[in-house]
Amino acid sequence: MTPANTTGADGATVYYGELDSPHSLDVFLELRDQASGHTAESLLGTMRQAADEGRFLVKFHFAALMDDVVGGNGSLRGLSALAAASDVGQPKFIEYLAALFAAQPSPPGIDSFSDSSFLLAEASHVEGLRSPEFDRKITADTYLSWAGDAVGSFASFNLAGTPVVWYDGAAIPVVKMEGGFERGPAFTPQEFLAQLSRMTEG
């Protein structure tokens, strides 16, 4: 079973915006990855607004590497819940994505996203998301198999981890690194949009 608003091989990619947009932004994230959380906190709203304006299509790809590194299955089960939100509509998907990142446990070894009650509680913060059908999809793990296939496709991109952003296939370094450690987003929202404009003008 494949959720709504997905594209690519086996519907493994969740998209936001119009499929016929002139440009595409590929965004690689993981729910339990703190660097992904920092990037989402800084740039997700900007990406949404630009996609709403028709500037590009956002294609979300998800990893579950932390599930293997620290144990548990929170990245996988959180993605399954996001798939249920995508069925409700693109706005609810991206609002729920923001809500989950805002509630991201720290340290990553705390596997709150594996708990259906936690996922449902966070869904309550997104107006109009919860319904008997949505709740059933969470508790019944309706999209868990799809989520497994989606995170499995992450390996095909040959990426070491998340977050990663590509604009029309060209990488944009969204993480500031110092001494081998992530120090937060590399761009402010304004700088990010300016970088995309420069790349578009080429």
N, C-alpha and C. Protein backbone atom coordinates (compact mmCIF):
# COMPACT_ATOMS: atom_id res chain seq x y z
N MET A 1 0.85 -1.20 0.00
CA MET A 1 0.00 0.00 0.00
C MET A 1 0.88 1.24 0.00
N THR A 2 0.58 2.17 -0.89
CA THR A 2 1.39 3.37 -1.05
C THR A 2 0.59 4.60 -0.64
N PRO A 3 1.15 5.50 0.17
CA PRO A 3 0.40 6.70 0.57
C PRO A 3 0.21 7.68 -0.56
N ALA A 4 -0.67 8.63 -0.35
CA ALA A 4 -0.90 9.68 -1.33
C ALA A 4 0.29 10.62 -1.41
N ASN A 5 0.38 11.35 -2.51
CA ASN A 5 1.41 12.37 -2.71
C ASN A 5 2.82 11.78 -2.64
N THR A 6 2.98 10.64 -3.33
CA THR A 6 4.29 10.02 -3.43
C THR A 6 4.63 9.83 -4.90
N THR A 7 5.91 9.70 -5.16
CA THR A 7 6.38 9.56 -6.53
C THR A 7 7.64 8.71 -6.54
N GLY A 8 8.19 8.47 -7.71
CA GLY A 8 9.41 7.69 -7.83
C GLY A 8 9.16 6.19 -7.79
N ALA A 9 10.25 5.44 -7.80
CA ALA A 9 10.16 3.98 -7.78
C ALA A 9 9.40 3.50 -6.55
N ASP A 10 8.34 2.75 -6.78
CA ASP A 10 7.51 2.19 -5.70
C ASP A 10 6.92 3.27 -4.79
N GLY A 11 6.84 4.51 -5.27
CA GLY A 11 6.27 5.59 -4.46
C GLY A 11 7.04 5.86 -3.20
N ALA A 12 8.37 5.72 -3.27
CA ALA A 12 9.20 5.84 -2.06
C ALA A 12 9.49 7.28 -1.66
N THR A 13 9.14 8.23 -2.51
CA THR A 13 9.45 9.64 -2.26
C THR A 13 8.16 10.41 -2.01
N VAL A 14 8.08 11.10 -0.89
CA VAL A 14 6.93 11.96 -0.61
C VAL A 14 7.22 13.34 -1.19
N TYR A 15 6.25 13.88 -1.91
CA TYR A 15 6.51 15.19 -2.51
C TYR A 15 5.56 16.25 -1.98
N TYR A 16 6.05 17.51 -2.05
CA TYR A 16 5.25 18.66 -1.65
C TYR A 16 5.34 19.68 -2.78
N GLY A 17 4.20 20.09 -3.31
CA GLY A 17 4.16 21.03 -4.41
C GLY A 17 3.57 20.38 -5.64
N GLU A 18 3.81 21.02 -6.78
CA GLU A 18 3.27 20.54 -8.05
C GLU A 18 4.32 19.75 -8.82
N LEU A 19 3.94 18.60 -9.34
CA LEU A 19 4.89 17.74 -10.05
C LEU A 19 5.45 18.40 -11.31
N ASP A 20 4.73 19.36 -11.87
CA ASP A 20 5.23 20.03 -13.08
C ASP A 20 5.97 21.32 -12.77
N SER A 21 6.43 21.49 -11.52
CA SER A 21 7.21 22.68 -11.16
C SER A 21 8.49 22.73 -11.99
N PRO A 22 9.01 23.94 -12.27
CA PRO A 22 10.18 24.06 -13.14
C PRO A 22 11.48 23.54 -12.54
N HIS A 23 11.54 23.43 -11.21
CA HIS A 23 12.76 22.98 -10.54
C HIS A 23 12.38 21.99 -9.43
N SER A 24 13.36 21.25 -8.97
CA SER A 24 13.11 20.29 -7.89
C SER A 24 14.15 20.43 -6.79
N LEU A 25 13.68 20.25 -5.57
CA LEU A 25 14.54 20.28 -4.39
C LEU A 25 14.42 18.92 -3.72
N ASP A 26 15.50 18.14 -3.76
CA ASP A 26 15.52 16.85 -3.09
C ASP A 26 16.07 17.05 -1.68
N VAL A 27 15.29 16.64 -0.69
CA VAL A 27 15.65 16.85 0.71
C VAL A 27 15.73 15.49 1.40
N PHE A 28 16.89 15.17 1.91
CA PHE A 28 17.16 13.88 2.57
C PHE A 28 17.24 14.12 4.07
N LEU A 29 16.35 13.47 4.82
CA LEU A 29 16.24 13.71 6.26
C LEU A 29 16.08 12.39 7.01
N GLU A 30 16.30 12.46 8.31
CA GLU A 30 15.96 11.34 9.20
C GLU A 30 15.36 11.91 10.47
N LEU A 31 14.26 11.34 10.92
CA LEU A 31 13.52 11.91 12.05
C LEU A 31 14.32 11.90 13.34
N ARG A 32 15.19 10.92 13.55
CA ARG A 32 15.95 10.84 14.81
C ARG A 32 17.31 11.51 14.71
N ASP A 33 17.63 12.06 13.56
CA ASP A 33 18.93 12.71 13.34
C ASP A 33 18.83 14.18 13.74
N GLN A 34 19.65 14.60 14.71
CA GLN A 34 19.55 15.95 15.23
C GLN A 34 19.94 17.00 14.19
N ALA A 35 20.90 16.70 13.33
CA ALA A 35 21.26 17.65 12.28
C ALA A 35 20.09 17.86 11.32
N SER A 36 19.35 16.79 11.02
CA SER A 36 18.15 16.93 10.20
C SER A 36 17.13 17.83 10.90
N GLY A 37 17.02 17.66 12.21
CA GLY A 37 16.10 18.49 12.98
C GLY A 37 16.46 19.96 12.92
N HIS A 38 17.76 20.27 13.01
CA HIS A 38 18.20 21.66 12.93
C HIS A 38 17.90 22.25 11.55
N THR A 39 18.14 21.46 10.51
CA THR A 39 17.86 21.93 9.16
C THR A 39 16.36 22.17 8.96
N ALA A 40 15.54 21.25 9.45
CA ALA A 40 14.10 21.40 9.32
C ALA A 40 13.61 22.63 10.07
N GLU A 41 14.13 22.82 11.27
CA GLU A 41 13.71 23.98 12.07
C GLU A 41 14.04 25.28 11.35
N SER A 42 15.18 25.32 10.69
CA SER A 42 15.63 26.54 10.02
C SER A 42 14.99 26.75 8.66
N LEU A 43 14.83 25.69 7.87
CA LEU A 43 14.53 25.87 6.46
C LEU A 43 13.21 25.27 5.98
N LEU A 44 12.56 24.42 6.78
CA LEU A 44 11.38 23.73 6.28
C LEU A 44 10.27 24.71 5.90
N GLY A 45 10.03 25.72 6.72
CA GLY A 45 9.00 26.70 6.40
C GLY A 45 9.31 27.46 5.13
N THR A 46 10.58 27.77 4.91
CA THR A 46 11.00 28.47 3.70
C THR A 46 10.79 27.60 2.47
N MET A 47 11.15 26.33 2.60
CA MET A 47 10.93 25.40 1.50
C MET A 47 9.45 25.31 1.16
N ARG A 48 8.62 25.24 2.19
CA ARG A 48 7.17 25.14 1.96
C ARG A 48 6.65 26.37 1.24
N GLN A 49 7.04 27.54 1.71
CA GLN A 49 6.53 28.77 1.10
C GLN A 49 6.95 28.88 -0.37
N ALA A 50 8.22 28.55 -0.64
CA ALA A 50 8.71 28.63 -2.02
C ALA A 50 7.99 27.62 -2.91
N ALA A 51 7.72 26.43 -2.39
CA ALA A 51 6.98 25.43 -3.16
C ALA A 51 5.55 25.90 -3.40
N ASP A 52 4.93 26.54 -2.39
CA ASP A 52 3.58 27.07 -2.54
C ASP A 52 3.54 28.15 -3.63
N GLU A 53 4.65 28.85 -3.80
CA GLU A 53 4.73 29.89 -4.82
C GLU A 53 5.05 29.32 -6.19
N GLY A 54 5.26 28.00 -6.27
CA GLY A 54 5.53 27.35 -7.54
C GLY A 54 6.97 27.42 -7.99
N ARG A 55 7.89 27.76 -7.09
CA ARG A 55 9.29 27.91 -7.49
C ARG A 55 9.96 26.56 -7.71
N PHE A 56 9.55 25.57 -6.95
CA PHE A 56 10.11 24.22 -7.11
C PHE A 56 9.21 23.21 -6.44
N LEU A 57 9.44 21.94 -6.79
CA LEU A 57 8.82 20.80 -6.14
C LEU A 57 9.79 20.27 -5.09
N VAL A 58 9.30 20.01 -3.89
CA VAL A 58 10.14 19.43 -2.85
C VAL A 58 9.90 17.92 -2.82
N LYS A 59 10.96 17.16 -2.92
CA LYS A 59 10.87 15.70 -2.84
C LYS A 59 11.62 15.24 -1.59
N PHE A 60 10.88 14.65 -0.68
CA PHE A 60 11.44 14.22 0.60
C PHE A 60 11.84 12.75 0.54
N HIS A 61 13.09 12.50 0.91
CA HIS A 61 13.63 11.14 1.01
C HIS A 61 14.03 10.93 2.48
N PHE A 62 13.76 9.76 3.00
CA PHE A 62 14.00 9.53 4.42
C PHE A 62 14.93 8.35 4.66
N ALA A 63 15.77 8.51 5.67
CA ALA A 63 16.68 7.46 6.11
C ALA A 63 16.24 6.94 7.48
N ALA A 64 16.78 5.80 7.87
CA ALA A 64 16.55 5.26 9.21
C ALA A 64 17.85 4.70 9.76
N LEU A 65 18.94 5.43 9.50
CA LEU A 65 20.25 4.97 9.93
C LEU A 65 20.38 4.93 11.45
N MET A 66 19.74 5.89 12.14
CA MET A 66 19.84 5.93 13.60
C MET A 66 19.19 4.72 14.24
N ASP A 67 18.19 4.15 13.58
CA ASP A 67 17.57 2.93 14.13
C ASP A 67 18.61 1.82 14.24
N ASP A 68 19.52 1.77 13.27
CA ASP A 68 20.57 0.75 13.29
C ASP A 68 21.69 1.13 14.27
N VAL A 69 22.02 2.42 14.32
CA VAL A 69 23.16 2.87 15.12
C VAL A 69 22.87 2.79 16.62
N VAL A 70 21.71 3.30 17.04
CA VAL A 70 21.43 3.36 18.48
C VAL A 70 20.31 2.41 18.90
N GLY A 71 19.70 1.71 17.94
CA GLY A 71 18.66 0.75 18.26
C GLY A 71 17.27 1.35 18.22
N GLY A 72 16.28 0.48 18.09
CA GLY A 72 14.91 0.93 18.02
C GLY A 72 14.42 1.03 16.59
N ASN A 73 13.22 1.58 16.44
CA ASN A 73 12.66 1.73 15.10
C ASN A 73 11.88 3.03 14.95
N GLY A 74 12.27 4.06 15.70
CA GLY A 74 11.55 5.33 15.70
C GLY A 74 11.56 6.05 14.38
N SER A 75 12.68 6.05 13.68
CA SER A 75 12.72 6.72 12.38
C SER A 75 11.76 6.03 11.41
N LEU A 76 11.73 4.70 11.47
CA LEU A 76 10.86 3.94 10.59
C LEU A 76 9.39 4.16 10.93
N ARG A 77 9.04 4.07 12.20
CA ARG A 77 7.64 4.21 12.60
C ARG A 77 7.17 5.65 12.47
N GLY A 78 8.08 6.61 12.68
CA GLY A 78 7.71 8.00 12.47
C GLY A 78 7.40 8.27 11.01
N LEU A 79 8.18 7.66 10.12
CA LEU A 79 7.91 7.82 8.69
C LEU A 79 6.59 7.18 8.31
N SER A 80 6.27 6.04 8.91
CA SER A 80 4.98 5.40 8.67
C SER A 80 3.83 6.33 9.06
N ALA A 81 4.01 7.05 10.17
CA ALA A 81 2.99 8.01 10.59
C ALA A 81 2.91 9.19 9.63
N LEU A 82 4.04 9.65 9.14
CA LEU A 82 4.05 10.73 8.15
C LEU A 82 3.30 10.32 6.88
N ALA A 83 3.41 9.06 6.51
CA ALA A 83 2.70 8.58 5.33
C ALA A 83 1.19 8.70 5.53
N ALA A 84 0.72 8.40 6.73
CA ALA A 84 -0.71 8.56 7.03
C ALA A 84 -1.11 10.02 6.93
N ALA A 85 -0.23 10.92 7.35
CA ALA A 85 -0.51 12.35 7.23
C ALA A 85 -0.55 12.78 5.77
N SER A 86 0.29 12.18 4.93
CA SER A 86 0.30 12.52 3.52
C SER A 86 -1.02 12.15 2.86
N ASP A 87 -1.68 11.12 3.36
CA ASP A 87 -3.01 10.76 2.87
C ASP A 87 -4.02 11.88 3.13
N VAL A 88 -3.83 12.59 4.23
CA VAL A 88 -4.75 13.67 4.58
C VAL A 88 -4.53 14.88 3.68
N GLY A 89 -3.29 15.06 3.23
CA GLY A 89 -2.99 16.17 2.31
C GLY A 89 -1.59 16.68 2.50
N GLN A 90 -1.07 17.35 1.48
CA GLN A 90 0.29 17.86 1.55
C GLN A 90 0.50 18.83 2.72
N PRO A 91 -0.41 19.78 2.96
CA PRO A 91 -0.19 20.69 4.09
C PRO A 91 -0.08 19.96 5.43
N LYS A 92 -0.92 18.95 5.63
CA LYS A 92 -0.88 18.23 6.91
C LYS A 92 0.40 17.42 7.03
N PHE A 93 0.88 16.86 5.91
CA PHE A 93 2.14 16.13 5.95
C PHE A 93 3.28 17.03 6.41
N ILE A 94 3.41 18.21 5.80
CA ILE A 94 4.56 19.04 6.12
C ILE A 94 4.43 19.67 7.50
N GLU A 95 3.19 19.93 7.94
CA GLU A 95 2.99 20.44 9.30
C GLU A 95 3.32 19.37 10.33
N TYR A 96 2.97 18.14 10.03
CA TYR A 96 3.27 17.04 10.95
C TYR A 96 4.77 16.77 10.97
N LEU A 97 5.41 16.87 9.81
CA LEU A 97 6.86 16.71 9.76
C LEU A 97 7.54 17.73 10.66
N ALA A 98 7.09 18.98 10.58
CA ALA A 98 7.65 20.02 11.43
C ALA A 98 7.38 19.74 12.90
N ALA A 99 6.18 19.24 13.20
CA ALA A 99 5.83 18.94 14.59
C ALA A 99 6.69 17.82 15.16
N LEU A 100 6.95 16.79 14.36
CA LEU A 100 7.79 15.69 14.84
C LEU A 100 9.22 16.14 15.07
N PHE A 101 9.75 16.95 14.16
CA PHE A 101 11.11 17.44 14.38
C PHE A 101 11.16 18.35 15.62
N ALA A 102 10.11 19.13 15.84
CA ALA A 102 10.08 20.00 17.02
C ALA A 102 10.05 19.18 18.31
N ALA A 103 9.51 17.97 18.23
CA ALA A 103 9.41 17.09 19.39
C ALA A 103 10.51 16.03 19.41
N GLN A 104 11.52 16.20 18.58
CA GLN A 104 12.58 15.20 18.44
C GLN A 104 13.24 14.92 19.79
N PRO A 105 13.29 13.66 20.22
CA PRO A 105 13.92 13.34 21.49
C PRO A 105 15.43 13.58 21.47
N SER A 106 15.97 13.91 22.60
CA SER A 106 17.42 14.07 22.74
C SER A 106 17.85 13.42 24.04
N PRO A 107 18.87 12.56 23.97
CA PRO A 107 19.65 12.14 22.80
C PRO A 107 18.85 11.19 21.90
N PRO A 108 19.39 10.91 20.69
CA PRO A 108 18.66 10.07 19.75
C PRO A 108 18.34 8.67 20.25
N GLY A 109 19.08 8.22 21.28
CA GLY A 109 18.82 6.89 21.82
C GLY A 109 17.45 6.77 22.48
N ILE A 110 16.85 7.90 22.82
CA ILE A 110 15.48 7.89 23.34
C ILE A 110 14.55 7.69 22.15
N ASP A 111 13.86 6.57 22.12
CA ASP A 111 13.13 6.19 20.91
C ASP A 111 11.64 6.49 21.01
N SER A 112 11.31 7.75 21.30
CA SER A 112 9.91 8.13 21.48
C SER A 112 9.07 7.89 20.24
N PHE A 113 9.67 8.05 19.06
CA PHE A 113 8.89 7.93 17.83
C PHE A 113 8.43 6.49 17.57
N SER A 114 8.91 5.54 18.34
CA SER A 114 8.45 4.16 18.17
C SER A 114 7.11 3.93 18.88
N ASP A 115 6.68 4.91 19.66
CA ASP A 115 5.48 4.78 20.48
C ASP A 115 4.29 5.43 19.76
N SER A 116 3.28 4.64 19.44
CA SER A 116 2.11 5.16 18.73
C SER A 116 1.43 6.29 19.49
N SER A 117 1.37 6.18 20.81
CA SER A 117 0.71 7.22 21.60
C SER A 117 1.46 8.54 21.49
N PHE A 118 2.78 8.49 21.41
CA PHE A 118 3.57 9.71 21.23
C PHE A 118 3.30 10.31 19.86
N LEU A 119 3.30 9.49 18.83
CA LEU A 119 3.04 9.98 17.47
C LEU A 119 1.65 10.60 17.37
N LEU A 120 0.67 9.99 18.02
CA LEU A 120 -0.69 10.53 17.98
C LEU A 120 -0.77 11.83 18.78
N ALA A 121 -0.06 11.91 19.90
CA ALA A 121 -0.07 13.15 20.69
C ALA A 121 0.49 14.31 19.89
N GLU A 122 1.56 14.05 19.14
CA GLU A 122 2.15 15.12 18.32
C GLU A 122 1.23 15.48 17.15
N ALA A 123 0.51 14.49 16.63
CA ALA A 123 -0.45 14.76 15.56
C ALA A 123 -1.56 15.68 16.05
N SER A 124 -1.85 15.66 17.33
CA SER A 124 -2.89 16.53 17.88
C SER A 124 -2.52 18.00 17.77
N HIS A 125 -1.24 18.30 17.59
CA HIS A 125 -0.80 19.69 17.45
C HIS A 125 -1.02 20.22 16.03
N VAL A 126 -1.39 19.34 15.12
CA VAL A 126 -1.66 19.75 13.72
C VAL A 126 -3.17 19.79 13.53
N GLU A 127 -3.70 20.98 13.40
CA GLU A 127 -5.15 21.14 13.31
C GLU A 127 -5.72 20.36 12.12
N GLY A 128 -6.73 19.56 12.39
CA GLY A 128 -7.42 18.84 11.34
C GLY A 128 -6.75 17.56 10.89
N LEU A 129 -5.66 17.15 11.55
CA LEU A 129 -4.97 15.94 11.11
C LEU A 129 -5.61 14.67 11.67
N ARG A 130 -5.90 14.68 12.95
CA ARG A 130 -6.39 13.45 13.57
C ARG A 130 -7.84 13.16 13.20
N SER A 131 -8.09 11.90 12.98
CA SER A 131 -9.43 11.38 12.70
C SER A 131 -9.39 9.90 13.04
N PRO A 132 -10.53 9.25 13.13
CA PRO A 132 -10.50 7.79 13.39
C PRO A 132 -9.67 7.04 12.35
N GLU A 133 -9.76 7.46 11.08
CA GLU A 133 -9.00 6.76 10.04
C GLU A 133 -7.51 6.99 10.20
N PHE A 134 -7.10 8.25 10.45
CA PHE A 134 -5.69 8.54 10.67
C PHE A 134 -5.16 7.77 11.87
N ASP A 135 -5.88 7.82 12.97
CA ASP A 135 -5.43 7.13 14.18
C ASP A 135 -5.28 5.63 13.94
N ARG A 136 -6.22 5.06 13.19
CA ARG A 136 -6.14 3.62 12.91
C ARG A 136 -4.89 3.29 12.11
N LYS A 137 -4.55 4.14 11.15
CA LYS A 137 -3.36 3.88 10.34
C LYS A 137 -2.09 3.92 11.19
N ILE A 138 -2.09 4.75 12.23
CA ILE A 138 -0.92 4.81 13.12
C ILE A 138 -0.86 3.55 13.98
N THR A 139 -1.95 3.23 14.63
CA THR A 139 -1.93 2.10 15.58
C THR A 139 -1.81 0.76 14.86
N ALA A 140 -2.30 0.70 13.62
CA ALA A 140 -2.23 -0.56 12.87
C ALA A 140 -0.97 -0.67 12.02
N ASP A 141 -0.10 0.33 12.09
CA ASP A 141 1.14 0.31 11.29
C ASP A 141 0.84 0.09 9.81
N THR A 142 -0.18 0.78 9.31
CA THR A 142 -0.61 0.59 7.93
C THR A 142 0.52 0.79 6.93
N TYR A 143 1.38 1.76 7.18
CA TYR A 143 2.41 2.09 6.20
C TYR A 143 3.81 1.67 6.64
N LEU A 144 3.89 0.76 7.59
CA LEU A 144 5.21 0.35 8.08
C LEU A 144 6.00 -0.37 6.98
N SER A 145 5.34 -1.20 6.21
CA SER A 145 6.02 -1.90 5.12
C SER A 145 6.50 -0.89 4.07
N TRP A 146 5.64 0.07 3.72
CA TRP A 146 6.04 1.12 2.78
C TRP A 146 7.24 1.88 3.32
N ALA A 147 7.21 2.22 4.60
CA ALA A 147 8.31 2.97 5.20
C ALA A 147 9.61 2.19 5.10
N GLY A 148 9.54 0.88 5.28
CA GLY A 148 10.74 0.05 5.13
C GLY A 148 11.31 0.12 3.73
N ASP A 149 10.42 0.09 2.74
CA ASP A 149 10.88 0.21 1.35
C ASP A 149 11.44 1.60 1.08
N ALA A 150 10.81 2.63 1.65
CA ALA A 150 11.26 4.00 1.42
C ALA A 150 12.65 4.23 2.00
N VAL A 151 12.88 3.80 3.23
CA VAL A 151 14.22 3.99 3.80
C VAL A 151 15.23 3.07 3.13
N GLY A 152 14.77 1.95 2.61
CA GLY A 152 15.67 1.07 1.88
C GLY A 152 16.20 1.71 0.62
N SER A 153 15.38 2.58 0.00
CA SER A 153 15.81 3.24 -1.22
C SER A 153 16.87 4.30 -0.96
N PHE A 154 17.05 4.71 0.30
CA PHE A 154 18.04 5.73 0.62
C PHE A 154 19.45 5.29 0.20
N ALA A 155 19.73 4.00 0.30
CA ALA A 155 21.06 3.49 -0.05
C ALA A 155 21.40 3.74 -1.51
N SER A 156 20.39 3.83 -2.37
CA SER A 156 20.64 4.01 -3.79
C SER A 156 21.24 5.37 -4.12
N PHE A 157 21.16 6.31 -3.18
CA PHE A 157 21.70 7.65 -3.42
C PHE A 157 23.16 7.79 -3.01
N ASN A 158 23.71 6.74 -2.39
CA ASN A 158 25.13 6.73 -2.00
C ASN A 158 25.49 7.91 -1.10
N LEU A 159 24.64 8.20 -0.13
CA LEU A 159 24.89 9.27 0.82
C LEU A 159 25.32 8.69 2.15
N ALA A 160 26.25 9.39 2.81
CA ALA A 160 26.76 8.90 4.09
C ALA A 160 25.78 9.12 5.23
N GLY A 161 24.91 10.11 5.07
CA GLY A 161 23.96 10.42 6.14
C GLY A 161 23.06 11.57 5.75
N THR A 162 22.44 12.15 6.75
CA THR A 162 21.51 13.26 6.55
C THR A 162 21.92 14.42 7.46
N PRO A 163 21.48 15.63 7.19
CA PRO A 163 20.63 16.06 6.07
C PRO A 163 21.45 16.36 4.82
N VAL A 164 20.81 16.19 3.69
CA VAL A 164 21.41 16.53 2.39
C VAL A 164 20.32 17.21 1.56
N VAL A 165 20.70 18.23 0.80
CA VAL A 165 19.75 18.91 -0.08
C VAL A 165 20.38 19.04 -1.46
N TRP A 166 19.61 18.67 -2.47
CA TRP A 166 20.02 18.87 -3.87
C TRP A 166 19.02 19.80 -4.54
N TYR A 167 19.52 20.72 -5.33
CA TYR A 167 18.66 21.59 -6.13
C TYR A 167 18.93 21.28 -7.59
N ASP A 168 17.94 20.72 -8.26
CA ASP A 168 18.10 20.26 -9.64
C ASP A 168 19.32 19.34 -9.77
N GLY A 169 19.53 18.52 -8.74
CA GLY A 169 20.61 17.54 -8.76
C GLY A 169 21.95 18.03 -8.25
N ALA A 170 22.07 19.34 -7.98
CA ALA A 170 23.33 19.89 -7.47
C ALA A 170 23.25 20.04 -5.95
N ALA A 171 24.28 19.58 -5.26
CA ALA A 171 24.27 19.59 -3.80
C ALA A 171 24.40 21.00 -3.23
N ILE A 172 23.65 21.25 -2.17
CA ILE A 172 23.75 22.49 -1.41
C ILE A 172 24.15 22.10 0.02
N PRO A 173 25.30 22.55 0.51
CA PRO A 173 25.73 22.18 1.86
C PRO A 173 24.92 22.93 2.92
N VAL A 174 23.93 22.27 3.50
CA VAL A 174 23.02 22.94 4.43
C VAL A 174 23.48 22.84 5.88
N VAL A 175 24.57 22.13 6.15
CA VAL A 175 25.06 21.96 7.51
C VAL A 175 26.43 22.62 7.66
N LYS A 176 26.58 23.41 8.71
CA LYS A 176 27.86 24.03 9.01
C LYS A 176 28.68 23.07 9.87
N MET A 177 29.86 22.71 9.37
CA MET A 177 30.73 21.77 10.08
C MET A 177 31.95 22.48 10.61
N GLU A 178 32.33 22.16 11.85
CA GLU A 178 33.55 22.67 12.46
C GLU A 178 34.22 21.55 13.23
N GLY A 179 35.46 21.25 12.85
CA GLY A 179 36.18 20.20 13.54
C GLY A 179 35.53 18.84 13.45
N GLY A 180 34.80 18.61 12.36
CA GLY A 180 34.14 17.34 12.17
C GLY A 180 32.79 17.21 12.88
N PHE A 181 32.33 18.31 13.48
CA PHE A 181 31.05 18.27 14.19
C PHE A 181 30.06 19.24 13.56
N GLU A 182 28.79 18.86 13.61
CA GLU A 182 27.73 19.70 13.07
C GLU A 182 27.46 20.86 14.02
N ARG A 183 27.50 22.08 13.47
CA ARG A 183 27.32 23.28 14.29
C ARG A 183 26.07 24.06 13.92
N GLY A 184 25.14 23.42 13.23
CA GLY A 184 23.91 24.08 12.87
C GLY A 184 23.79 24.30 11.38
N PRO A 185 22.71 24.96 10.96
CA PRO A 185 22.49 25.20 9.53
C PRO A 185 23.55 26.10 8.92
N ALA A 186 23.88 25.82 7.67
CA ALA A 186 24.87 26.63 6.97
C ALA A 186 24.29 27.92 6.44
N PHE A 187 22.96 27.99 6.29
CA PHE A 187 22.30 29.16 5.72
C PHE A 187 21.17 29.64 6.61
N THR A 188 20.94 30.95 6.61
CA THR A 188 19.67 31.47 7.08
C THR A 188 18.65 31.23 5.97
N PRO A 189 17.36 31.32 6.25
CA PRO A 189 16.38 31.16 5.17
C PRO A 189 16.62 32.12 4.00
N GLN A 190 16.99 33.36 4.30
CA GLN A 190 17.23 34.33 3.23
C GLN A 190 18.45 33.95 2.39
N GLU A 191 19.49 33.48 3.05
CA GLU A 191 20.69 33.05 2.33
C GLU A 191 20.41 31.81 1.49
N PHE A 192 19.57 30.94 2.01
CA PHE A 192 19.21 29.72 1.28
C PHE A 192 18.49 30.07 -0.02
N LEU A 193 17.51 30.94 0.05
CA LEU A 193 16.78 31.34 -1.15
C LEU A 193 17.68 32.07 -2.14
N ALA A 194 18.58 32.88 -1.61
CA ALA A 194 19.52 33.58 -2.49
C ALA A 194 20.43 32.60 -3.21
N GLN A 195 20.84 31.54 -2.51
CA GLN A 195 21.68 30.52 -3.14
C GLN A 195 20.91 29.81 -4.25
N LEU A 196 19.65 29.50 -4.02
CA LEU A 196 18.84 28.86 -5.05
C LEU A 196 18.67 29.78 -6.26
N SER A 197 18.51 31.06 -6.02
CA SER A 197 18.37 32.02 -7.13
C SER A 197 19.63 32.06 -7.97
N ARG A 198 20.79 32.05 -7.29
CA ARG A 198 22.06 32.05 -8.04
C ARG A 198 22.20 30.80 -8.88
N MET A 199 21.80 29.67 -8.32
CA MET A 199 21.90 28.41 -9.05
C MET A 199 20.93 28.36 -10.21
N THR A 200 19.76 28.97 -10.05
CA THR A 200 18.77 29.00 -11.13
C THR A 200 19.28 29.86 -12.27
N GLU A 201 19.89 31.00 -11.94
CA GLU A 201 20.38 31.92 -12.96
C GLU A 201 21.62 31.36 -13.65
N GLY A 202 22.32 30.49 -12.92
CA GLY A 202 23.45 29.74 -13.45
C GLY A 202 24.58 30.52 -13.98
